[in-house]
Amino acid sequence: MRLWHQELIRKLPRAQLLGQHRECCALRGNGWGKKHSTVNYVFKYSPNKLFYYHKLVMEEMARRNYKPDEKWLDMRYRGMKCEPYLQLQDEGITNPIYPEHNHAYLLECLENLERKGIII
C-alpha cells in the first residue's frame, strides 16, 4: 500500500479513500517502523506528519458522510492494540505534509491509479 499524494485525497474513489484510512491506522499503530518500500519515507519523520496526513483522509471521509472512529482524531492515539504516544508534541502542519509528495510523486500516483483503471 502507499500513501497517495495529498492533493489526490479529495479525488480518490471510495475504495482507495477507505483503503487509505486503513493504511494510516495500521501505520499509526503497530505498523509504525515496519519497513515497506512504498512508505519507508514516513518513518524518517515524526509521527505528527502521519497524523496530519491521516486527518486529511478523515476530513474527506466525513465530507462524504463516512464516520471514522473519532479516537483517531487524537494525535497520540495508536489503536486498541498499541499504547498511545505519551510525549508526542504537536509540531504543526507543513505543506506538503511530506516533502516526498512533490510533483513527480503526484505523477507517479496518477499513473498508478490509471493502471488500476482510475482516471483522475
PDB file of N, CA and C in Angstrom:
ATOM      1  N   MET A   1       0.845  -1.181   0.000  1.00  0.00           N
ATOM      2  CA  MET A   1       0.000   0.000   0.000  1.00  0.00           C
ATOM      3  C   MET A   1       0.879   1.229   0.000  1.00  0.00           C
ATOM      4  N   ARG A   2       0.313   2.322  -0.417  1.00  0.00           N
ATOM      5  CA  ARG A   2       1.043   3.584  -0.457  1.00  0.00           C
ATOM      6  C   ARG A   2       0.195   4.675   0.170  1.00  0.00           C
ATOM      7  N   LEU A   3       0.841   5.767   0.486  1.00  0.00           N
ATOM      8  CA  LEU A   3       0.106   6.973   0.839  1.00  0.00           C
ATOM      9  C   LEU A   3      -0.001   7.773  -0.449  1.00  0.00           C
ATOM     10  N   TRP A   4      -1.210   7.977  -0.916  1.00  0.00           N
ATOM     11  CA  TRP A   4      -1.402   8.742  -2.140  1.00  0.00           C
ATOM     12  C   TRP A   4      -0.965  10.184  -1.915  1.00  0.00           C
ATOM     13  N   HIS A   5      -0.585  10.843  -2.970  1.00  0.00           N
ATOM     14  CA  HIS A   5      -0.224  12.256  -2.890  1.00  0.00           C
ATOM     15  C   HIS A   5      -1.377  12.995  -2.223  1.00  0.00           C
ATOM     16  N   GLN A   6      -1.060  13.876  -1.298  1.00  0.00           N
ATOM     17  CA  GLN A   6      -2.105  14.525  -0.507  1.00  0.00           C
ATOM     18  C   GLN A   6      -3.077  15.335  -1.364  1.00  0.00           C
ATOM     19  N   GLU A   7      -2.658  15.794  -2.532  1.00  0.00           N
ATOM     20  CA  GLU A   7      -3.556  16.550  -3.409  1.00  0.00           C
ATOM     21  C   GLU A   7      -4.626  15.659  -4.034  1.00  0.00           C
ATOM     22  N   LEU A   8      -4.439  14.345  -3.985  1.00  0.00           N
ATOM     23  CA  LEU A   8      -5.396  13.418  -4.583  1.00  0.00           C
ATOM     24  C   LEU A   8      -6.472  12.949  -3.605  1.00  0.00           C
ATOM     25  N   ILE A   9      -6.298  13.193  -2.339  1.00  0.00           N
ATOM     26  CA  ILE A   9      -7.211  12.641  -1.330  1.00  0.00           C
ATOM     27  C   ILE A   9      -8.662  12.984  -1.646  1.00  0.00           C
ATOM     28  N   ARG A  10      -8.937  14.218  -1.980  1.00  0.00           N
ATOM     29  CA  ARG A  10     -10.325  14.637  -2.254  1.00  0.00           C
ATOM     30  C   ARG A  10     -10.887  14.003  -3.520  1.00  0.00           C
ATOM     31  N   LYS A  11     -10.015  13.474  -4.375  1.00  0.00           N
ATOM     32  CA  LYS A  11     -10.449  12.922  -5.659  1.00  0.00           C
ATOM     33  C   LYS A  11     -10.462  11.394  -5.676  1.00  0.00           C
ATOM     34  N   LEU A  12      -9.979  10.775  -4.620  1.00  0.00           N
ATOM     35  CA  LEU A  12      -9.893   9.317  -4.609  1.00  0.00           C
ATOM     36  C   LEU A  12     -11.271   8.673  -4.615  1.00  0.00           C
ATOM     37  N   PRO A  13     -11.424   7.591  -5.381  1.00  0.00           N
ATOM     38  CA  PRO A  13     -12.670   6.828  -5.288  1.00  0.00           C
ATOM     39  C   PRO A  13     -12.824   6.235  -3.896  1.00  0.00           C
ATOM     40  N   ARG A  14     -14.025   5.824  -3.582  1.00  0.00           N
ATOM     41  CA  ARG A  14     -14.374   5.300  -2.260  1.00  0.00           C
ATOM     42  C   ARG A  14     -13.392   4.229  -1.777  1.00  0.00           C
ATOM     43  N   ALA A  15     -13.124   3.231  -2.602  1.00  0.00           N
ATOM     44  CA  ALA A  15     -12.265   2.117  -2.175  1.00  0.00           C
ATOM     45  C   ALA A  15     -10.868   2.594  -1.807  1.00  0.00           C
ATOM     46  N   GLN A  16     -10.316   3.491  -2.603  1.00  0.00           N
ATOM     47  CA  GLN A  16      -8.968   3.994  -2.317  1.00  0.00           C
ATOM     48  C   GLN A  16      -8.956   4.885  -1.082  1.00  0.00           C
ATOM     49  N   LEU A  17     -10.001   5.690  -0.902  1.00  0.00           N
ATOM     50  CA  LEU A  17     -10.070   6.554   0.282  1.00  0.00           C
ATOM     51  C   LEU A  17     -10.163   5.711   1.553  1.00  0.00           C
ATOM     52  N   LEU A  18     -11.055   4.730   1.546  1.00  0.00           N
ATOM     53  CA  LEU A  18     -11.200   3.889   2.739  1.00  0.00           C
ATOM     54  C   LEU A  18      -9.959   3.032   2.959  1.00  0.00           C
ATOM     55  N   GLY A  19      -9.320   2.604   1.877  1.00  0.00           N
ATOM     56  CA  GLY A  19      -8.060   1.871   1.998  1.00  0.00           C
ATOM     57  C   GLY A  19      -6.965   2.747   2.593  1.00  0.00           C
ATOM     58  N   GLN A  20      -6.990   4.030   2.235  1.00  0.00           N
ATOM     59  CA  GLN A  20      -6.009   4.956   2.782  1.00  0.00           C
ATOM     60  C   GLN A  20      -6.199   5.120   4.286  1.00  0.00           C
ATOM     61  N   HIS A  21      -7.449   5.154   4.713  1.00  0.00           N
ATOM     62  CA  HIS A  21      -7.741   5.235   6.148  1.00  0.00           C
ATOM     63  C   HIS A  21      -7.190   3.999   6.867  1.00  0.00           C
ATOM     64  N   ARG A  22      -7.444   2.819   6.318  1.00  0.00           N
ATOM     65  CA  ARG A  22      -6.934   1.586   6.941  1.00  0.00           C
ATOM     66  C   ARG A  22      -5.408   1.582   6.994  1.00  0.00           C
ATOM     67  N   GLU A  23      -4.780   2.048   5.918  1.00  0.00           N
ATOM     68  CA  GLU A  23      -3.316   2.100   5.879  1.00  0.00           C
ATOM     69  C   GLU A  23      -2.787   3.059   6.944  1.00  0.00           C
ATOM     70  N   CYS A  24      -3.396   4.212   7.075  1.00  0.00           N
ATOM     71  CA  CYS A  24      -2.966   5.177   8.088  1.00  0.00           C
ATOM     72  C   CYS A  24      -3.140   4.607   9.492  1.00  0.00           C
ATOM     73  N   CYS A  25      -4.262   3.947   9.737  1.00  0.00           N
ATOM     74  CA  CYS A  25      -4.482   3.328  11.051  1.00  0.00           C
ATOM     75  C   CYS A  25      -3.400   2.298  11.345  1.00  0.00           C
ATOM     76  N   ALA A  26      -3.081   1.477  10.361  1.00  0.00           N
ATOM     77  CA  ALA A  26      -2.057   0.445  10.548  1.00  0.00           C
ATOM     78  C   ALA A  26      -0.696   1.075  10.806  1.00  0.00           C
ATOM     79  N   LEU A  27      -0.354   2.095  10.033  1.00  0.00           N
ATOM     80  CA  LEU A  27       0.952   2.749  10.209  1.00  0.00           C
ATOM     81  C   LEU A  27       1.036   3.475  11.542  1.00  0.00           C
ATOM     82  N   ARG A  28      -0.036   4.086  11.977  1.00  0.00           N
ATOM     83  CA  ARG A  28      -0.024   4.784  13.260  1.00  0.00           C
ATOM     84  C   ARG A  28       0.050   3.810  14.421  1.00  0.00           C
ATOM     85  N   GLY A  29      -0.421   2.602  14.227  1.00  0.00           N
ATOM     86  CA  GLY A  29      -0.420   1.588  15.276  1.00  0.00           C
ATOM     87  C   GLY A  29       0.850   0.759  15.253  1.00  0.00           C
ATOM     88  N   ASN A  30       0.678  -0.541  15.290  1.00  0.00           N
ATOM     89  CA  ASN A  30       1.826  -1.451  15.358  1.00  0.00           C
ATOM     90  C   ASN A  30       2.639  -1.511  14.078  1.00  0.00           C
ATOM     91  N   GLY A  31       2.148  -0.909  13.013  1.00  0.00           N
ATOM     92  CA  GLY A  31       2.905  -0.876  11.768  1.00  0.00           C
ATOM     93  C   GLY A  31       3.993   0.181  11.751  1.00  0.00           C
ATOM     94  N   TRP A  32       4.002   1.045  12.775  1.00  0.00           N
ATOM     95  CA  TRP A  32       4.997   2.120  12.815  1.00  0.00           C
ATOM     96  C   TRP A  32       6.393   1.515  12.845  1.00  0.00           C
ATOM     97  N   GLY A  33       7.214   1.912  11.881  1.00  0.00           N
ATOM     98  CA  GLY A  33       8.600   1.465  11.822  1.00  0.00           C
ATOM     99  C   GLY A  33       8.800   0.170  11.046  1.00  0.00           C
ATOM    100  N   LYS A  34       7.725  -0.485  10.632  1.00  0.00           N
ATOM    101  CA  LYS A  34       7.853  -1.723   9.852  1.00  0.00           C
ATOM    102  C   LYS A  34       8.061  -1.351   8.392  1.00  0.00           C
ATOM    103  N   LYS A  35       9.200  -1.735   7.892  1.00  0.00           N
ATOM    104  CA  LYS A  35       9.612  -1.315   6.555  1.00  0.00           C
ATOM    105  C   LYS A  35       8.692  -1.862   5.463  1.00  0.00           C
ATOM    106  N   HIS A  36       8.402  -0.991   4.523  1.00  0.00           N
ATOM    107  CA  HIS A  36       7.685  -1.339   3.302  1.00  0.00           C
ATOM    108  C   HIS A  36       8.121  -0.314   2.260  1.00  0.00           C
ATOM    109  N   SER A  37       8.526  -0.770   1.114  1.00  0.00           N
ATOM    110  CA  SER A  37       9.180   0.095   0.130  1.00  0.00           C
ATOM    111  C   SER A  37       8.395   1.353  -0.223  1.00  0.00           C
ATOM    112  N   THR A  38       7.078   1.286  -0.255  1.00  0.00           N
ATOM    113  CA  THR A  38       6.317   2.463  -0.680  1.00  0.00           C
ATOM    114  C   THR A  38       6.039   3.467   0.436  1.00  0.00           C
ATOM    115  N   VAL A  39       6.278   3.088   1.691  1.00  0.00           N
ATOM    116  CA  VAL A  39       6.001   4.023   2.786  1.00  0.00           C
ATOM    117  C   VAL A  39       7.193   4.247   3.720  1.00  0.00           C
ATOM    118  N   ASN A  40       8.367   3.734   3.372  1.00  0.00           N
ATOM    119  CA  ASN A  40       9.526   3.894   4.255  1.00  0.00           C
ATOM    120  C   ASN A  40       9.825   5.349   4.607  1.00  0.00           C
ATOM    121  N   TYR A  41       9.574   6.271   3.687  1.00  0.00           N
ATOM    122  CA  TYR A  41       9.882   7.678   3.940  1.00  0.00           C
ATOM    123  C   TYR A  41       9.127   8.222   5.149  1.00  0.00           C
ATOM    124  N   VAL A  42       7.973   7.656   5.455  1.00  0.00           N
ATOM    125  CA  VAL A  42       7.152   8.119   6.569  1.00  0.00           C
ATOM    126  C   VAL A  42       7.924   8.030   7.883  1.00  0.00           C
ATOM    127  N   PHE A  43       8.752   7.004   8.007  1.00  0.00           N
ATOM    128  CA  PHE A  43       9.455   6.754   9.269  1.00  0.00           C
ATOM    129  C   PHE A  43      10.646   7.678   9.488  1.00  0.00           C
ATOM    130  N   LYS A  44      10.986   8.505   8.494  1.00  0.00           N
ATOM    131  CA  LYS A  44      12.067   9.489   8.661  1.00  0.00           C
ATOM    132  C   LYS A  44      11.599  10.687   9.477  1.00  0.00           C
ATOM    133  N   TYR A  45      10.286  10.794   9.662  1.00  0.00           N
ATOM    134  CA  TYR A  45       9.705  11.980  10.282  1.00  0.00           C
ATOM    135  C   TYR A  45       8.969  11.627  11.570  1.00  0.00           C
ATOM    136  N   SER A  46       8.593  12.638  12.282  1.00  0.00           N
ATOM    137  CA  SER A  46       7.785  12.477  13.481  1.00  0.00           C
ATOM    138  C   SER A  46       6.438  11.855  13.111  1.00  0.00           C
ATOM    139  N   PRO A  47       5.859  11.083  14.016  1.00  0.00           N
ATOM    140  CA  PRO A  47       4.504  10.562  13.780  1.00  0.00           C
ATOM    141  C   PRO A  47       3.461  11.672  13.588  1.00  0.00           C
ATOM    142  N   ASN A  48       3.821  12.909  13.936  1.00  0.00           N
ATOM    143  CA  ASN A  48       2.914  14.045  13.706  1.00  0.00           C
ATOM    144  C   ASN A  48       2.512  14.153  12.245  1.00  0.00           C
ATOM    145  N   LYS A  49       3.474  13.967  11.351  1.00  0.00           N
ATOM    146  CA  LYS A  49       3.177  14.108   9.933  1.00  0.00           C
ATOM    147  C   LYS A  49       2.138  13.085   9.499  1.00  0.00           C
ATOM    148  N   LEU A  50       2.293  11.861   9.971  1.00  0.00           N
ATOM    149  CA  LEU A  50       1.318  10.830   9.622  1.00  0.00           C
ATOM    150  C   LEU A  50      -0.050  11.196  10.186  1.00  0.00           C
ATOM    151  N   PHE A  51      -0.097  11.726  11.391  1.00  0.00           N
ATOM    152  CA  PHE A  51      -1.371  12.159  11.968  1.00  0.00           C
ATOM    153  C   PHE A  51      -2.034  13.208  11.070  1.00  0.00           C
ATOM    154  N   TYR A  52      -1.281  14.224  10.641  1.00  0.00           N
ATOM    155  CA  TYR A  52      -1.870  15.290   9.829  1.00  0.00           C
ATOM    156  C   TYR A  52      -2.319  14.771   8.468  1.00  0.00           C
ATOM    157  N   TYR A  53      -1.564  13.838   7.905  1.00  0.00           N
ATOM    158  CA  TYR A  53      -1.988  13.223   6.654  1.00  0.00           C
ATOM    159  C   TYR A  53      -3.292  12.446   6.882  1.00  0.00           C
ATOM    160  N   HIS A  54      -3.312  11.645   7.937  1.00  0.00           N
ATOM    161  CA  HIS A  54      -4.493  10.854   8.264  1.00  0.00           C
ATOM    162  C   HIS A  54      -5.685  11.770   8.523  1.00  0.00           C
ATOM    163  N   LYS A  55      -5.439  12.896   9.137  1.00  0.00           N
ATOM    164  CA  LYS A  55      -6.519  13.852   9.414  1.00  0.00           C
ATOM    165  C   LYS A  55      -7.149  14.345   8.109  1.00  0.00           C
ATOM    166  N   LEU A  56      -6.324  14.592   7.077  1.00  0.00           N
ATOM    167  CA  LEU A  56      -6.869  14.974   5.771  1.00  0.00           C
ATOM    168  C   LEU A  56      -7.780  13.875   5.224  1.00  0.00           C
ATOM    169  N   VAL A  57      -7.343  12.631   5.372  1.00  0.00           N
ATOM    170  CA  VAL A  57      -8.135  11.486   4.914  1.00  0.00           C
ATOM    171  C   VAL A  57      -9.462  11.439   5.669  1.00  0.00           C
ATOM    172  N   MET A  58      -9.397  11.595   6.989  1.00  0.00           N
ATOM    173  CA  MET A  58     -10.623  11.525   7.792  1.00  0.00           C
ATOM    174  C   MET A  58     -11.559  12.695   7.505  1.00  0.00           C
ATOM    175  N   GLU A  59     -11.013  13.869   7.232  1.00  0.00           N
ATOM    176  CA  GLU A  59     -11.850  15.016   6.874  1.00  0.00           C
ATOM    177  C   GLU A  59     -12.587  14.750   5.570  1.00  0.00           C
ATOM    178  N   GLU A  60     -11.901  14.129   4.616  1.00  0.00           N
ATOM    179  CA  GLU A  60     -12.562  13.788   3.354  1.00  0.00           C
ATOM    180  C   GLU A  60     -13.615  12.709   3.581  1.00  0.00           C
ATOM    181  N   MET A  61     -13.303  11.753   4.443  1.00  0.00           N
ATOM    182  CA  MET A  61     -14.294  10.725   4.767  1.00  0.00           C
ATOM    183  C   MET A  61     -15.545  11.372   5.358  1.00  0.00           C
ATOM    184  N   ALA A  62     -15.363  12.295   6.280  1.00  0.00           N
ATOM    185  CA  ALA A  62     -16.503  12.972   6.909  1.00  0.00           C
ATOM    186  C   ALA A  62     -17.289  13.776   5.869  1.00  0.00           C
ATOM    187  N   ARG A  63     -16.579  14.415   4.960  1.00  0.00           N
ATOM    188  CA  ARG A  63     -17.246  15.189   3.898  1.00  0.00           C
ATOM    189  C   ARG A  63     -18.159  14.288   3.063  1.00  0.00           C
ATOM    190  N   ARG A  64     -17.756  13.016   2.921  1.00  0.00           N
ATOM    191  CA  ARG A  64     -18.555  12.056   2.144  1.00  0.00           C
ATOM    192  C   ARG A  64     -19.527  11.263   3.037  1.00  0.00           C
ATOM    193  N   ASN A  65     -19.665  11.712   4.251  1.00  0.00           N
ATOM    194  CA  ASN A  65     -20.585  11.087   5.220  1.00  0.00           C
ATOM    195  C   ASN A  65     -20.150   9.711   5.710  1.00  0.00           C
ATOM    196  N   TYR A  66     -18.862   9.406   5.642  1.00  0.00           N
ATOM    197  CA  TYR A  66     -18.331   8.210   6.305  1.00  0.00           C
ATOM    198  C   TYR A  66     -17.976   8.638   7.718  1.00  0.00           C
ATOM    199  N   LYS A  67     -17.966   7.692   8.631  1.00  0.00           N
ATOM    200  CA  LYS A  67     -17.770   8.034  10.040  1.00  0.00           C
ATOM    201  C   LYS A  67     -16.584   7.271  10.638  1.00  0.00           C
ATOM    202  N   PRO A  68     -15.363   7.782  10.427  1.00  0.00           N
ATOM    203  CA  PRO A  68     -14.219   7.123  11.077  1.00  0.00           C
ATOM    204  C   PRO A  68     -14.309   7.310  12.587  1.00  0.00           C
ATOM    205  N   ASP A  69     -13.762   6.377  13.319  1.00  0.00           N
ATOM    206  CA  ASP A  69     -13.763   6.453  14.784  1.00  0.00           C
ATOM    207  C   ASP A  69     -13.066   7.741  15.211  1.00  0.00           C
ATOM    208  N   GLU A  70     -13.744   8.522  16.013  1.00  0.00           N
ATOM    209  CA  GLU A  70     -13.205   9.819  16.450  1.00  0.00           C
ATOM    210  C   GLU A  70     -11.949   9.687  17.296  1.00  0.00           C
ATOM    211  N   LYS A  71     -11.684   8.509  17.819  1.00  0.00           N
ATOM    212  CA  LYS A  71     -10.455   8.312  18.594  1.00  0.00           C
ATOM    213  C   LYS A  71      -9.225   8.647  17.769  1.00  0.00           C
ATOM    214  N   TRP A  72      -9.312   8.414  16.445  1.00  0.00           N
ATOM    215  CA  TRP A  72      -8.162   8.676  15.577  1.00  0.00           C
ATOM    216  C   TRP A  72      -7.866  10.159  15.442  1.00  0.00           C
ATOM    217  N   LEU A  73      -8.782  11.034  15.875  1.00  0.00           N
ATOM    218  CA  LEU A  73      -8.536  12.476  15.813  1.00  0.00           C
ATOM    219  C   LEU A  73      -7.595  12.956  16.919  1.00  0.00           C
ATOM    220  N   ASP A  74      -7.257  12.068  17.834  1.00  0.00           N
ATOM    221  CA  ASP A  74      -6.264  12.359  18.871  1.00  0.00           C
ATOM    222  C   ASP A  74      -4.908  11.916  18.325  1.00  0.00           C
ATOM    223  N   MET A  75      -3.985  12.860  18.172  1.00  0.00           N
ATOM    224  CA  MET A  75      -2.696  12.519  17.552  1.00  0.00           C
ATOM    225  C   MET A  75      -1.902  11.483  18.351  1.00  0.00           C
ATOM    226  N   ARG A  76      -2.224  11.306  19.614  1.00  0.00           N
ATOM    227  CA  ARG A  76      -1.490  10.338  20.436  1.00  0.00           C
ATOM    228  C   ARG A  76      -2.071   8.923  20.326  1.00  0.00           C
ATOM    229  N   TYR A  77      -3.284   8.809  19.802  1.00  0.00           N
ATOM    230  CA  TYR A  77      -3.965   7.512  19.697  1.00  0.00           C
ATOM    231  C   TYR A  77      -3.282   6.642  18.643  1.00  0.00           C
ATOM    232  N   ARG A  78      -3.120   5.346  18.976  1.00  0.00           N
ATOM    233  CA  ARG A  78      -2.441   4.429  18.065  1.00  0.00           C
ATOM    234  C   ARG A  78      -3.228   3.139  17.850  1.00  0.00           C
ATOM    235  N   GLY A  79      -4.483   3.136  18.216  1.00  0.00           N
ATOM    236  CA  GLY A  79      -5.311   1.958  18.041  1.00  0.00           C
ATOM    237  C   GLY A  79      -5.493   1.215  19.350  1.00  0.00           C
ATOM    238  N   MET A  80      -6.368   0.205  19.320  1.00  0.00           N
ATOM    239  CA  MET A  80      -6.718  -0.527  20.538  1.00  0.00           C
ATOM    240  C   MET A  80      -5.606  -1.446  21.017  1.00  0.00           C
ATOM    241  N   LYS A  81      -4.698  -1.843  20.124  1.00  0.00           N
ATOM    242  CA  LYS A  81      -3.662  -2.804  20.493  1.00  0.00           C
ATOM    243  C   LYS A  81      -2.294  -2.170  20.648  1.00  0.00           C
ATOM    244  N   CYS A  82      -2.259  -0.865  20.778  1.00  0.00           N
ATOM    245  CA  CYS A  82      -0.983  -0.157  20.834  1.00  0.00           C
ATOM    246  C   CYS A  82      -1.072   0.959  21.883  1.00  0.00           C
ATOM    247  N   GLU A  83      -0.046   1.090  22.663  1.00  0.00           N
ATOM    248  CA  GLU A  83      -0.025   2.158  23.666  1.00  0.00           C
ATOM    249  C   GLU A  83       0.031   3.520  22.985  1.00  0.00           C
ATOM    250  N   PRO A  84      -0.668   4.507  23.525  1.00  0.00           N
ATOM    251  CA  PRO A  84      -0.637   5.846  22.916  1.00  0.00           C
ATOM    252  C   PRO A  84       0.737   6.483  23.089  1.00  0.00           C
ATOM    253  N   TYR A  85       1.002   7.454  22.237  1.00  0.00           N
ATOM    254  CA  TYR A  85       2.202   8.272  22.426  1.00  0.00           C
ATOM    255  C   TYR A  85       1.959   9.134  23.659  1.00  0.00           C
ATOM    256  N   LEU A  86       2.884   9.117  24.589  1.00  0.00           N
ATOM    257  CA  LEU A  86       2.709   9.912  25.803  1.00  0.00           C
ATOM    258  C   LEU A  86       3.408  11.262  25.712  1.00  0.00           C
ATOM    259  N   GLN A  87       4.495  11.337  24.963  1.00  0.00           N
ATOM    260  CA  GLN A  87       5.302  12.550  24.926  1.00  0.00           C
ATOM    261  C   GLN A  87       5.271  13.250  23.568  1.00  0.00           C
ATOM    262  N   LEU A  88       4.350  12.886  22.704  1.00  0.00           N
ATOM    263  CA  LEU A  88       4.291  13.461  21.363  1.00  0.00           C
ATOM    264  C   LEU A  88       3.854  14.916  21.446  1.00  0.00           C
ATOM    265  N   GLN A  89       4.645  15.797  20.859  1.00  0.00           N
ATOM    266  CA  GLN A  89       4.343  17.223  20.839  1.00  0.00           C
ATOM    267  C   GLN A  89       3.786  17.607  19.475  1.00  0.00           C
ATOM    268  N   ASP A  90       2.800  18.471  19.453  1.00  0.00           N
ATOM    269  CA  ASP A  90       2.234  18.950  18.205  1.00  0.00           C
ATOM    270  C   ASP A  90       3.238  19.898  17.554  1.00  0.00           C
ATOM    271  N   GLU A  91       3.748  19.502  16.407  1.00  0.00           N
ATOM    272  CA  GLU A  91       4.750  20.306  15.703  1.00  0.00           C
ATOM    273  C   GLU A  91       4.130  21.160  14.606  1.00  0.00           C
ATOM    274  N   GLY A  92       2.820  21.051  14.416  1.00  0.00           N
ATOM    275  CA  GLY A  92       2.147  21.815  13.375  1.00  0.00           C
ATOM    276  C   GLY A  92       2.247  21.140  12.026  1.00  0.00           C
ATOM    277  N   ILE A  93       1.463  21.623  11.114  1.00  0.00           N
ATOM    278  CA  ILE A  93       1.380  21.023   9.784  1.00  0.00           C
ATOM    279  C   ILE A  93       2.267  21.782   8.807  1.00  0.00           C
ATOM    280  N   THR A  94       2.843  21.068   7.875  1.00  0.00           N
ATOM    281  CA  THR A  94       3.623  21.673   6.802  1.00  0.00           C
ATOM    282  C   THR A  94       2.892  21.403   5.492  1.00  0.00           C
ATOM    283  N   ASN A  95       3.230  22.141   4.469  1.00  0.00           N
ATOM    284  CA  ASN A  95       2.624  21.906   3.160  1.00  0.00           C
ATOM    285  C   ASN A  95       3.705  21.869   2.096  1.00  0.00           C
ATOM    286  N   PRO A  96       3.918  20.734   1.471  1.00  0.00           N
ATOM    287  CA  PRO A  96       3.195  19.493   1.673  1.00  0.00           C
ATOM    288  C   PRO A  96       3.557  18.869   3.021  1.00  0.00           C
ATOM    289  N   ILE A  97       2.708  17.973   3.473  1.00  0.00           N
ATOM    290  CA  ILE A  97       2.974  17.317   4.754  1.00  0.00           C
ATOM    291  C   ILE A  97       4.283  16.553   4.671  1.00  0.00           C
ATOM    292  N   TYR A  98       4.438  15.771   3.607  1.00  0.00           N
ATOM    293  CA  TYR A  98       5.695  15.049   3.360  1.00  0.00           C
ATOM    294  C   TYR A  98       6.385  15.688   2.168  1.00  0.00           C
ATOM    295  N   PRO A  99       7.660  16.065   2.298  1.00  0.00           N
ATOM    296  CA  PRO A  99       8.361  16.663   1.155  1.00  0.00           C
ATOM    297  C   PRO A  99       8.412  15.729  -0.053  1.00  0.00           C
ATOM    298  N   GLU A 100       8.302  14.437   0.188  1.00  0.00           N
ATOM    299  CA  GLU A 100       8.315  13.459  -0.903  1.00  0.00           C
ATOM    300  C   GLU A 100       7.067  13.577  -1.789  1.00  0.00           C
ATOM    301  N   HIS A 101       6.023  14.236  -1.285  1.00  0.00           N
ATOM    302  CA  HIS A 101       4.799  14.409  -2.055  1.00  0.00           C
ATOM    303  C   HIS A 101       4.950  15.632  -2.968  1.00  0.00           C
ATOM    304  N   ASN A 102       5.894  15.520  -3.882  1.00  0.00           N
ATOM    305  CA  ASN A 102       6.169  16.594  -4.827  1.00  0.00           C
ATOM    306  C   ASN A 102       5.448  16.311  -6.148  1.00  0.00           C
ATOM    307  N   HIS A 103       5.731  17.114  -7.173  1.00  0.00           N
ATOM    308  CA  HIS A 103       5.051  16.960  -8.455  1.00  0.00           C
ATOM    309  C   HIS A 103       5.363  15.608  -9.098  1.00  0.00           C
ATOM    310  N   ALA A 104       6.594  15.168  -9.003  1.00  0.00           N
ATOM    311  CA  ALA A 104       6.965  13.867  -9.576  1.00  0.00           C
ATOM    312  C   ALA A 104       6.173  12.740  -8.906  1.00  0.00           C
ATOM    313  N   TYR A 105       5.995  12.834  -7.589  1.00  0.00           N
ATOM    314  CA  TYR A 105       5.225  11.808  -6.877  1.00  0.00           C
ATOM    315  C   TYR A 105       3.749  11.877  -7.270  1.00  0.00           C
ATOM    316  N   LEU A 106       3.235  13.072  -7.481  1.00  0.00           N
ATOM    317  CA  LEU A 106       1.859  13.219  -7.938  1.00  0.00           C
ATOM    318  C   LEU A 106       1.668  12.485  -9.265  1.00  0.00           C
ATOM    319  N   LEU A 107       2.591  12.678 -10.195  1.00  0.00           N
ATOM    320  CA  LEU A 107       2.500  11.993 -11.493  1.00  0.00           C
ATOM    321  C   LEU A 107       2.601  10.482 -11.322  1.00  0.00           C
ATOM    322  N   GLU A 108       3.488  10.038 -10.449  1.00  0.00           N
ATOM    323  CA  GLU A 108       3.634   8.604 -10.178  1.00  0.00           C
ATOM    324  C   GLU A 108       2.317   8.022  -9.639  1.00  0.00           C
ATOM    325  N   CYS A 109       1.674   8.733  -8.740  1.00  0.00           N
ATOM    326  CA  CYS A 109       0.400   8.272  -8.177  1.00  0.00           C
ATOM    327  C   CYS A 109      -0.686   8.237  -9.242  1.00  0.00           C
ATOM    328  N   LEU A 110      -0.732   9.269 -10.085  1.00  0.00           N
ATOM    329  CA  LEU A 110      -1.737   9.303 -11.146  1.00  0.00           C
ATOM    330  C   LEU A 110      -1.551   8.131 -12.105  1.00  0.00           C
ATOM    331  N   GLU A 111      -0.297   7.820 -12.435  1.00  0.00           N
ATOM    332  CA  GLU A 111      -0.008   6.679 -13.310  1.00  0.00           C
ATOM    333  C   GLU A 111      -0.418   5.373 -12.632  1.00  0.00           C
ATOM    334  N   ASN A 112      -0.154   5.263 -11.346  1.00  0.00           N
ATOM    335  CA  ASN A 112      -0.522   4.066 -10.601  1.00  0.00           C
ATOM    336  C   ASN A 112      -2.042   3.881 -10.612  1.00  0.00           C
ATOM    337  N   LEU A 113      -2.770   4.946 -10.392  1.00  0.00           N
ATOM    338  CA  LEU A 113      -4.225   4.882 -10.410  1.00  0.00           C
ATOM    339  C   LEU A 113      -4.734   4.512 -11.816  1.00  0.00           C
ATOM    340  N   GLU A 114      -4.104   5.087 -12.849  1.00  0.00           N
ATOM    341  CA  GLU A 114      -4.507   4.760 -14.215  1.00  0.00           C
ATOM    342  C   GLU A 114      -4.351   3.272 -14.500  1.00  0.00           C
ATOM    343  N   ARG A 115      -3.270   2.671 -14.024  1.00  0.00           N
ATOM    344  CA  ARG A 115      -3.068   1.226 -14.204  1.00  0.00           C
ATOM    345  C   ARG A 115      -4.174   0.426 -13.534  1.00  0.00           C
ATOM    346  N   LYS A 116      -4.817   1.015 -12.552  1.00  0.00           N
ATOM    347  CA  LYS A 116      -5.943   0.364 -11.868  1.00  0.00           C
ATOM    348  C   LYS A 116      -7.271   0.714 -12.550  1.00  0.00           C
ATOM    349  N   GLY A 117      -7.194   1.481 -13.625  1.00  0.00           N
ATOM    350  CA  GLY A 117      -8.407   1.869 -14.347  1.00  0.00           C
ATOM    351  C   GLY A 117      -9.091   3.088 -13.768  1.00  0.00           C
ATOM    352  N   ILE A 118      -8.372   3.857 -12.951  1.00  0.00           N
ATOM    353  CA  ILE A 118      -8.939   5.046 -12.295  1.00  0.00           C
ATOM    354  C   ILE A 118      -8.301   6.287 -12.912  1.00  0.00           C
ATOM    355  N   ILE A 119      -9.116   7.083 -13.573  1.00  0.00           N
ATOM    356  CA  ILE A 119      -8.632   8.316 -14.210  1.00  0.00           C
ATOM    357  C   ILE A 119      -9.091   9.497 -13.358  1.00  0.00           C
ATOM    358  N   ILE A 120      -8.125  10.270 -12.909  1.00  0.00           N
ATOM    359  CA  ILE A 120      -8.437  11.469 -12.092  1.00  0.00           C
ATOM    360  C   ILE A 120      -7.964  12.694 -12.853  1.00  0.00           C
TER     361      ILE A 120
END
